[in-house]
Amino acid sequence: MLSNWNDLNALGFGDVVHSAASLAELHRRVERAMRQAGPRHRMATADARWIVKDTGESLELRAELPGFQPGDVDVSVEDGHLTIFGQRSASPPEGYAVLRKERGELPLRGSLELPCPVDLDRAEASLDRGVLRLTLPKTPQAKPRRIAINAS
């Protein structure tokens, strides 16, 4: 990670970072370097970004999956691990022609160790506007219980 403009010297961009007017030249050089690198250096898979909440009764999970449809995603739980696998389709809607394509098919993988046992028979999942929402009710043994305190 670059932490200072002077770090660009090591990348061969040091002669263009000393004035605001040369930022356009820096941009052109970076773009050219990215084009020369080709697709082999681009990320091949996406990672699911998780938000996990423990409500006491269940685990509420949310993952951002932009561009994915419900049929593109597979969710499973095995040995206490939740796994998401998906493949985003890149075909245009019927009747449309592709003029420029910047988003292609994208495999998605994500795995998360669950902090407690869950009841998969009552689990619910939905995918709306690129956000996967999972509700995983806890098993009775994993739910928090109150202990009554008796006066002495």
N, C-alpha and C. Protein backbone atom coordinates (compact mmCIF):
# COMPACT_ATOMS: atom_id res chain seq x y z
N MET A 1 0.84 -1.17 0.00
CA MET A 1 0.00 0.00 0.00
C MET A 1 0.88 1.23 0.00
N LEU A 2 0.50 2.20 -0.78
CA LEU A 2 1.25 3.45 -0.83
C LEU A 2 0.80 4.34 0.33
N SER A 3 1.74 4.80 1.12
CA SER A 3 1.39 5.64 2.26
C SER A 3 1.84 7.08 2.06
N ASN A 4 2.57 7.33 0.99
CA ASN A 4 3.12 8.66 0.77
C ASN A 4 3.30 8.85 -0.73
N TRP A 5 3.13 10.08 -1.20
CA TRP A 5 3.35 10.34 -2.62
C TRP A 5 4.77 9.96 -3.04
N ASN A 6 5.72 10.07 -2.13
CA ASN A 6 7.11 9.72 -2.47
C ASN A 6 7.27 8.23 -2.74
N ASP A 7 6.32 7.42 -2.25
CA ASP A 7 6.38 5.99 -2.53
C ASP A 7 6.22 5.71 -4.02
N LEU A 8 5.63 6.64 -4.74
CA LEU A 8 5.46 6.46 -6.18
C LEU A 8 6.80 6.49 -6.92
N ASN A 9 7.82 7.05 -6.29
CA ASN A 9 9.15 7.05 -6.92
C ASN A 9 9.60 5.63 -7.23
N ALA A 10 9.30 4.71 -6.31
CA ALA A 10 9.72 3.32 -6.49
C ALA A 10 9.00 2.67 -7.67
N LEU A 11 7.84 3.20 -8.05
CA LEU A 11 7.10 2.64 -9.16
C LEU A 11 7.40 3.33 -10.48
N GLY A 12 8.30 4.29 -10.47
CA GLY A 12 8.66 4.98 -11.69
C GLY A 12 7.77 6.17 -12.01
N PHE A 13 7.00 6.63 -11.04
CA PHE A 13 6.11 7.76 -11.26
C PHE A 13 6.59 9.01 -10.52
N GLY A 14 7.77 8.97 -9.95
CA GLY A 14 8.24 10.06 -9.10
C GLY A 14 8.35 11.41 -9.79
N ASP A 15 8.61 11.43 -11.10
CA ASP A 15 8.81 12.70 -11.79
C ASP A 15 7.52 13.44 -12.08
N VAL A 16 6.34 12.83 -11.82
CA VAL A 16 5.09 13.49 -12.16
C VAL A 16 4.23 13.85 -10.96
N VAL A 17 4.68 13.61 -9.76
CA VAL A 17 3.81 13.83 -8.61
C VAL A 17 4.09 15.12 -7.86
N HIS A 18 4.89 16.00 -8.39
CA HIS A 18 5.29 17.18 -7.64
C HIS A 18 4.42 18.39 -7.92
N SER A 19 3.47 18.34 -8.83
CA SER A 19 2.58 19.47 -9.06
C SER A 19 1.19 18.97 -9.40
N ALA A 20 0.21 19.78 -9.09
CA ALA A 20 -1.17 19.39 -9.38
C ALA A 20 -1.40 19.26 -10.88
N ALA A 21 -0.69 20.02 -11.69
CA ALA A 21 -0.88 19.97 -13.14
C ALA A 21 -0.43 18.64 -13.72
N SER A 22 0.44 17.93 -13.02
CA SER A 22 0.94 16.67 -13.57
C SER A 22 0.10 15.46 -13.15
N LEU A 23 -1.01 15.68 -12.42
CA LEU A 23 -1.85 14.55 -12.04
C LEU A 23 -2.46 13.86 -13.26
N ALA A 24 -2.76 14.62 -14.30
CA ALA A 24 -3.30 14.01 -15.52
C ALA A 24 -2.27 13.06 -16.14
N GLU A 25 -1.02 13.45 -16.13
CA GLU A 25 0.04 12.58 -16.65
C GLU A 25 0.18 11.33 -15.79
N LEU A 26 0.07 11.47 -14.48
CA LEU A 26 0.11 10.33 -13.58
C LEU A 26 -1.05 9.38 -13.91
N HIS A 27 -2.23 9.93 -14.11
CA HIS A 27 -3.39 9.11 -14.44
C HIS A 27 -3.16 8.35 -15.74
N ARG A 28 -2.63 8.99 -16.76
CA ARG A 28 -2.36 8.32 -18.04
C ARG A 28 -1.36 7.19 -17.86
N ARG A 29 -0.33 7.40 -17.07
CA ARG A 29 0.68 6.36 -16.86
C ARG A 29 0.10 5.16 -16.11
N VAL A 30 -0.71 5.42 -15.09
CA VAL A 30 -1.32 4.33 -14.34
C VAL A 30 -2.26 3.54 -15.24
N GLU A 31 -3.09 4.25 -16.04
CA GLU A 31 -3.99 3.57 -16.97
C GLU A 31 -3.21 2.70 -17.96
N ARG A 32 -2.13 3.22 -18.50
CA ARG A 32 -1.32 2.45 -19.44
C ARG A 32 -0.73 1.22 -18.76
N ALA A 33 -0.24 1.37 -17.53
CA ALA A 33 0.32 0.23 -16.79
C ALA A 33 -0.75 -0.84 -16.55
N MET A 34 -1.97 -0.41 -16.23
CA MET A 34 -3.06 -1.37 -16.00
C MET A 34 -3.43 -2.10 -17.29
N ARG A 35 -3.46 -1.39 -18.42
CA ARG A 35 -3.78 -2.04 -19.69
C ARG A 35 -2.71 -3.05 -20.06
N GLN A 36 -1.45 -2.72 -19.81
CA GLN A 36 -0.36 -3.63 -20.15
C GLN A 36 -0.36 -4.86 -19.25
N ALA A 37 -0.84 -4.70 -18.01
CA ALA A 37 -0.88 -5.84 -17.09
C ALA A 37 -1.86 -6.89 -17.59
N GLY A 38 -2.92 -6.46 -18.24
CA GLY A 38 -3.88 -7.40 -18.81
C GLY A 38 -4.78 -8.01 -17.76
N PRO A 39 -5.71 -8.84 -18.19
CA PRO A 39 -6.70 -9.39 -17.27
C PRO A 39 -6.15 -10.41 -16.29
N ARG A 40 -4.96 -10.95 -16.52
CA ARG A 40 -4.44 -11.98 -15.62
C ARG A 40 -4.15 -11.44 -14.23
N HIS A 41 -4.03 -10.11 -14.09
CA HIS A 41 -3.74 -9.53 -12.80
C HIS A 41 -4.99 -8.98 -12.10
N ARG A 42 -6.12 -9.11 -12.72
CA ARG A 42 -7.35 -8.64 -12.10
C ARG A 42 -7.90 -9.72 -11.17
N MET A 43 -8.72 -9.29 -10.22
CA MET A 43 -9.27 -10.23 -9.25
C MET A 43 -10.20 -11.22 -9.95
N ALA A 44 -10.00 -12.49 -9.70
CA ALA A 44 -10.77 -13.53 -10.38
C ALA A 44 -12.05 -13.88 -9.63
N THR A 45 -12.08 -13.68 -8.32
CA THR A 45 -13.28 -13.98 -7.55
C THR A 45 -13.57 -12.82 -6.61
N ALA A 46 -14.79 -12.77 -6.16
CA ALA A 46 -15.19 -11.76 -5.19
C ALA A 46 -15.39 -12.44 -3.84
N ASP A 47 -15.19 -11.68 -2.80
CA ASP A 47 -15.42 -12.18 -1.44
C ASP A 47 -16.69 -11.55 -0.91
N ALA A 48 -17.49 -12.35 -0.24
CA ALA A 48 -18.70 -11.82 0.37
C ALA A 48 -18.31 -10.93 1.54
N ARG A 49 -18.98 -9.81 1.66
CA ARG A 49 -18.79 -8.88 2.78
C ARG A 49 -19.93 -9.12 3.76
N TRP A 50 -19.59 -9.46 5.01
CA TRP A 50 -20.58 -9.90 5.98
C TRP A 50 -20.88 -8.85 7.03
N ILE A 51 -22.12 -8.86 7.48
CA ILE A 51 -22.52 -8.20 8.72
C ILE A 51 -23.29 -9.28 9.48
N VAL A 52 -22.85 -9.58 10.69
CA VAL A 52 -23.47 -10.63 11.49
C VAL A 52 -23.93 -10.03 12.81
N LYS A 53 -25.20 -10.26 13.14
CA LYS A 53 -25.76 -9.77 14.40
C LYS A 53 -26.34 -10.95 15.17
N ASP A 54 -26.11 -10.94 16.47
CA ASP A 54 -26.69 -11.95 17.35
C ASP A 54 -27.83 -11.29 18.09
N THR A 55 -29.07 -11.71 17.80
CA THR A 55 -30.24 -11.11 18.43
C THR A 55 -30.62 -11.81 19.73
N GLY A 56 -29.90 -12.85 20.06
CA GLY A 56 -30.24 -13.67 21.23
C GLY A 56 -31.03 -14.89 20.83
N GLU A 57 -32.05 -14.70 20.01
CA GLU A 57 -32.87 -15.80 19.52
C GLU A 57 -32.33 -16.38 18.21
N SER A 58 -31.64 -15.55 17.43
CA SER A 58 -31.15 -16.00 16.12
C SER A 58 -29.93 -15.20 15.71
N LEU A 59 -29.29 -15.68 14.65
CA LEU A 59 -28.20 -14.94 14.02
C LEU A 59 -28.77 -14.29 12.77
N GLU A 60 -28.54 -13.00 12.62
CA GLU A 60 -28.99 -12.26 11.44
C GLU A 60 -27.74 -11.94 10.63
N LEU A 61 -27.69 -12.44 9.41
CA LEU A 61 -26.53 -12.21 8.56
C LEU A 61 -26.96 -11.43 7.33
N ARG A 62 -26.09 -10.54 6.90
CA ARG A 62 -26.32 -9.79 5.68
C ARG A 62 -25.02 -9.79 4.89
N ALA A 63 -25.14 -10.07 3.60
CA ALA A 63 -23.97 -10.07 2.71
C ALA A 63 -24.31 -9.26 1.47
N GLU A 64 -23.37 -8.44 1.04
CA GLU A 64 -23.57 -7.64 -0.17
C GLU A 64 -23.14 -8.45 -1.38
N LEU A 65 -24.08 -8.65 -2.31
CA LEU A 65 -23.84 -9.42 -3.52
C LEU A 65 -24.35 -8.63 -4.73
N PRO A 66 -23.69 -7.55 -5.09
CA PRO A 66 -24.21 -6.71 -6.17
C PRO A 66 -24.26 -7.44 -7.50
N GLY A 67 -25.40 -7.32 -8.18
CA GLY A 67 -25.57 -7.92 -9.49
C GLY A 67 -26.00 -9.37 -9.47
N PHE A 68 -26.14 -9.97 -8.30
CA PHE A 68 -26.52 -11.38 -8.21
C PHE A 68 -28.03 -11.51 -8.10
N GLN A 69 -28.57 -12.57 -8.69
CA GLN A 69 -29.98 -12.91 -8.60
C GLN A 69 -30.11 -14.14 -7.70
N PRO A 70 -31.31 -14.41 -7.16
CA PRO A 70 -31.46 -15.57 -6.27
C PRO A 70 -30.98 -16.89 -6.87
N GLY A 71 -31.18 -17.10 -8.16
CA GLY A 71 -30.74 -18.36 -8.77
C GLY A 71 -29.24 -18.45 -8.97
N ASP A 72 -28.51 -17.34 -8.77
CA ASP A 72 -27.06 -17.31 -8.94
C ASP A 72 -26.30 -17.72 -7.68
N VAL A 73 -27.00 -17.85 -6.55
CA VAL A 73 -26.33 -18.00 -5.25
C VAL A 73 -26.76 -19.31 -4.58
N ASP A 74 -25.80 -19.99 -3.97
CA ASP A 74 -26.05 -21.21 -3.20
C ASP A 74 -25.53 -20.99 -1.79
N VAL A 75 -26.38 -21.23 -0.79
CA VAL A 75 -26.01 -21.06 0.61
C VAL A 75 -26.14 -22.41 1.30
N SER A 76 -25.11 -22.79 2.06
CA SER A 76 -25.16 -24.06 2.79
C SER A 76 -24.48 -23.92 4.14
N VAL A 77 -24.88 -24.79 5.06
CA VAL A 77 -24.25 -24.86 6.38
C VAL A 77 -23.83 -26.30 6.60
N GLU A 78 -22.55 -26.48 6.94
CA GLU A 78 -22.03 -27.82 7.21
C GLU A 78 -20.97 -27.72 8.30
N ASP A 79 -21.10 -28.53 9.32
CA ASP A 79 -20.15 -28.58 10.44
C ASP A 79 -19.89 -27.20 11.04
N GLY A 80 -20.95 -26.40 11.20
CA GLY A 80 -20.80 -25.09 11.82
C GLY A 80 -20.23 -24.01 10.92
N HIS A 81 -20.09 -24.27 9.64
CA HIS A 81 -19.58 -23.27 8.69
C HIS A 81 -20.67 -22.92 7.68
N LEU A 82 -20.92 -21.65 7.54
CA LEU A 82 -21.84 -21.15 6.52
C LEU A 82 -21.01 -20.84 5.28
N THR A 83 -21.45 -21.33 4.13
CA THR A 83 -20.73 -21.11 2.89
C THR A 83 -21.66 -20.53 1.84
N ILE A 84 -21.19 -19.51 1.16
CA ILE A 84 -21.91 -18.93 0.04
C ILE A 84 -21.07 -19.14 -1.21
N PHE A 85 -21.71 -19.65 -2.24
CA PHE A 85 -21.06 -19.78 -3.54
C PHE A 85 -22.02 -19.20 -4.56
N GLY A 86 -21.48 -18.44 -5.48
CA GLY A 86 -22.34 -17.86 -6.51
C GLY A 86 -21.58 -17.59 -7.79
N GLN A 87 -22.33 -17.43 -8.84
CA GLN A 87 -21.77 -17.09 -10.16
C GLN A 87 -22.70 -16.04 -10.77
N ARG A 88 -22.21 -14.82 -10.88
CA ARG A 88 -23.03 -13.75 -11.45
C ARG A 88 -23.06 -13.91 -12.96
N SER A 89 -24.26 -13.92 -13.50
CA SER A 89 -24.39 -14.03 -14.95
C SER A 89 -24.18 -12.67 -15.59
N ALA A 90 -23.65 -12.67 -16.80
CA ALA A 90 -23.33 -11.42 -17.47
C ALA A 90 -24.12 -11.22 -18.75
N SER A 91 -25.17 -11.98 -18.94
CA SER A 91 -25.93 -11.85 -20.18
C SER A 91 -26.89 -10.65 -20.07
N PRO A 92 -27.00 -9.88 -21.15
CA PRO A 92 -27.89 -8.71 -21.12
C PRO A 92 -29.35 -9.15 -21.18
N PRO A 93 -30.25 -8.29 -20.79
CA PRO A 93 -31.68 -8.63 -20.90
C PRO A 93 -32.06 -8.87 -22.35
N GLU A 94 -33.10 -9.66 -22.55
CA GLU A 94 -33.54 -9.98 -23.90
C GLU A 94 -33.93 -8.71 -24.65
N GLY A 95 -33.48 -8.63 -25.89
CA GLY A 95 -33.78 -7.47 -26.72
C GLY A 95 -32.74 -6.37 -26.66
N TYR A 96 -31.72 -6.51 -25.80
CA TYR A 96 -30.68 -5.50 -25.68
C TYR A 96 -29.40 -6.00 -26.35
N ALA A 97 -28.63 -5.08 -26.90
CA ALA A 97 -27.34 -5.41 -27.49
C ALA A 97 -26.24 -4.84 -26.61
N VAL A 98 -25.15 -5.55 -26.47
CA VAL A 98 -24.03 -5.09 -25.66
C VAL A 98 -23.17 -4.15 -26.50
N LEU A 99 -23.01 -2.92 -26.02
CA LEU A 99 -22.15 -1.95 -26.69
C LEU A 99 -20.79 -1.85 -26.00
N ARG A 100 -20.78 -2.03 -24.70
CA ARG A 100 -19.55 -2.00 -23.92
C ARG A 100 -19.77 -2.91 -22.72
N LYS A 101 -18.77 -3.70 -22.40
CA LYS A 101 -18.91 -4.66 -21.31
C LYS A 101 -17.77 -4.47 -20.33
N GLU A 102 -18.09 -3.97 -19.14
CA GLU A 102 -17.08 -3.77 -18.10
C GLU A 102 -17.29 -4.72 -16.93
N ARG A 103 -18.46 -5.34 -16.86
CA ARG A 103 -18.75 -6.32 -15.81
C ARG A 103 -18.99 -7.66 -16.45
N GLY A 104 -18.22 -8.63 -16.07
CA GLY A 104 -18.39 -9.97 -16.62
C GLY A 104 -18.93 -10.92 -15.58
N GLU A 105 -18.86 -12.18 -15.91
CA GLU A 105 -19.25 -13.19 -14.94
C GLU A 105 -18.27 -13.17 -13.79
N LEU A 106 -18.79 -13.29 -12.61
CA LEU A 106 -17.96 -13.16 -11.43
C LEU A 106 -18.28 -14.27 -10.44
N PRO A 107 -17.32 -15.17 -10.19
CA PRO A 107 -17.58 -16.16 -9.15
C PRO A 107 -17.44 -15.53 -7.77
N LEU A 108 -18.26 -15.97 -6.85
CA LEU A 108 -18.26 -15.45 -5.49
C LEU A 108 -18.10 -16.61 -4.53
N ARG A 109 -17.24 -16.42 -3.55
CA ARG A 109 -17.06 -17.44 -2.51
C ARG A 109 -16.97 -16.72 -1.17
N GLY A 110 -17.59 -17.32 -0.19
CA GLY A 110 -17.50 -16.77 1.15
C GLY A 110 -17.79 -17.87 2.16
N SER A 111 -17.07 -17.84 3.27
CA SER A 111 -17.27 -18.84 4.31
C SER A 111 -17.14 -18.16 5.66
N LEU A 112 -17.97 -18.60 6.58
CA LEU A 112 -18.00 -17.98 7.89
C LEU A 112 -18.26 -19.07 8.93
N GLU A 113 -17.47 -19.10 9.98
CA GLU A 113 -17.71 -20.05 11.07
C GLU A 113 -18.80 -19.49 11.97
N LEU A 114 -19.86 -20.24 12.15
CA LEU A 114 -20.97 -19.79 12.99
C LEU A 114 -20.58 -19.92 14.46
N PRO A 115 -20.93 -18.94 15.28
CA PRO A 115 -20.51 -18.97 16.69
C PRO A 115 -21.32 -19.92 17.56
N CYS A 116 -22.45 -20.45 17.03
CA CYS A 116 -23.28 -21.34 17.83
C CYS A 116 -24.09 -22.24 16.89
N PRO A 117 -24.67 -23.32 17.41
CA PRO A 117 -25.51 -24.19 16.58
C PRO A 117 -26.80 -23.47 16.17
N VAL A 118 -27.26 -23.72 14.94
CA VAL A 118 -28.48 -23.10 14.44
C VAL A 118 -29.46 -24.17 13.97
N ASP A 119 -30.73 -23.79 13.95
CA ASP A 119 -31.80 -24.68 13.51
C ASP A 119 -32.05 -24.42 12.03
N LEU A 120 -31.50 -25.27 11.17
CA LEU A 120 -31.59 -25.06 9.72
C LEU A 120 -33.00 -25.28 9.19
N ASP A 121 -33.84 -26.03 9.91
CA ASP A 121 -35.21 -26.25 9.45
C ASP A 121 -36.04 -24.97 9.50
N ARG A 122 -35.65 -24.03 10.34
CA ARG A 122 -36.38 -22.76 10.45
C ARG A 122 -35.62 -21.58 9.84
N ALA A 123 -34.52 -21.86 9.15
CA ALA A 123 -33.71 -20.80 8.55
C ALA A 123 -34.46 -20.14 7.39
N GLU A 124 -34.23 -18.85 7.21
CA GLU A 124 -34.85 -18.09 6.13
C GLU A 124 -33.77 -17.32 5.39
N ALA A 125 -33.96 -17.18 4.07
CA ALA A 125 -32.99 -16.43 3.26
C ALA A 125 -33.75 -15.65 2.19
N SER A 126 -33.26 -14.44 1.90
CA SER A 126 -33.83 -13.64 0.81
C SER A 126 -32.70 -12.85 0.17
N LEU A 127 -32.87 -12.56 -1.12
CA LEU A 127 -31.90 -11.76 -1.85
C LEU A 127 -32.68 -10.67 -2.58
N ASP A 128 -32.47 -9.44 -2.17
CA ASP A 128 -33.19 -8.32 -2.75
C ASP A 128 -32.22 -7.17 -2.99
N ARG A 129 -32.18 -6.69 -4.23
CA ARG A 129 -31.33 -5.56 -4.62
C ARG A 129 -29.87 -5.77 -4.25
N GLY A 130 -29.40 -6.98 -4.43
CA GLY A 130 -28.00 -7.28 -4.20
C GLY A 130 -27.61 -7.49 -2.75
N VAL A 131 -28.59 -7.60 -1.86
CA VAL A 131 -28.29 -7.83 -0.45
C VAL A 131 -28.93 -9.15 -0.03
N LEU A 132 -28.09 -10.09 0.38
CA LEU A 132 -28.55 -11.38 0.89
C LEU A 132 -28.80 -11.25 2.37
N ARG A 133 -29.99 -11.62 2.81
CA ARG A 133 -30.34 -11.59 4.23
C ARG A 133 -30.66 -13.02 4.68
N LEU A 134 -30.00 -13.44 5.75
CA LEU A 134 -30.21 -14.77 6.33
C LEU A 134 -30.65 -14.62 7.77
N THR A 135 -31.64 -15.40 8.16
CA THR A 135 -32.05 -15.49 9.55
C THR A 135 -31.87 -16.94 9.95
N LEU A 136 -30.97 -17.16 10.89
CA LEU A 136 -30.65 -18.51 11.34
C LEU A 136 -31.03 -18.61 12.82
N PRO A 137 -32.22 -19.17 13.12
CA PRO A 137 -32.61 -19.32 14.53
C PRO A 137 -31.65 -20.25 15.27
N LYS A 138 -31.36 -19.89 16.49
CA LYS A 138 -30.47 -20.72 17.31
C LYS A 138 -31.22 -21.96 17.80
N THR A 139 -30.47 -23.02 18.04
CA THR A 139 -31.06 -24.20 18.66
C THR A 139 -31.39 -23.84 20.11
N PRO A 140 -32.33 -24.56 20.73
CA PRO A 140 -32.69 -24.24 22.12
C PRO A 140 -31.49 -24.25 23.07
N GLN A 141 -30.51 -25.12 22.83
CA GLN A 141 -29.34 -25.18 23.70
C GLN A 141 -28.47 -23.95 23.56
N ALA A 142 -28.50 -23.29 22.41
CA ALA A 142 -27.63 -22.14 22.18
C ALA A 142 -28.25 -20.81 22.59
N LYS A 143 -29.57 -20.81 22.84
CA LYS A 143 -30.25 -19.56 23.21
C LYS A 143 -29.87 -19.15 24.62
N PRO A 144 -29.76 -17.86 24.86
CA PRO A 144 -29.44 -17.40 26.22
C PRO A 144 -30.61 -17.68 27.18
N ARG A 145 -30.28 -18.03 28.39
CA ARG A 145 -31.30 -18.31 29.40
C ARG A 145 -31.02 -17.49 30.64
N ARG A 146 -32.08 -17.06 31.26
CA ARG A 146 -31.94 -16.30 32.51
C ARG A 146 -31.93 -17.28 33.68
N ILE A 147 -31.20 -16.93 34.66
CA ILE A 147 -31.14 -17.74 35.88
C ILE A 147 -31.77 -16.90 36.99
N ALA A 148 -32.80 -17.44 37.59
CA ALA A 148 -33.50 -16.72 38.66
C ALA A 148 -32.63 -16.68 39.90
N ILE A 149 -32.64 -15.55 40.54
CA ILE A 149 -31.89 -15.38 41.80
C ILE A 149 -32.88 -15.36 42.94
N ASN A 150 -32.71 -16.26 43.88
CA ASN A 150 -33.60 -16.34 45.04
C ASN A 150 -33.05 -15.52 46.19
N ALA A 151 -33.95 -14.90 46.91
CA ALA A 151 -33.53 -14.17 48.11
C ALA A 151 -33.22 -15.16 49.20
N SER A 152 -32.24 -14.85 50.03
CA SER A 152 -31.88 -15.79 51.09
C SER A 152 -32.56 -15.48 52.39
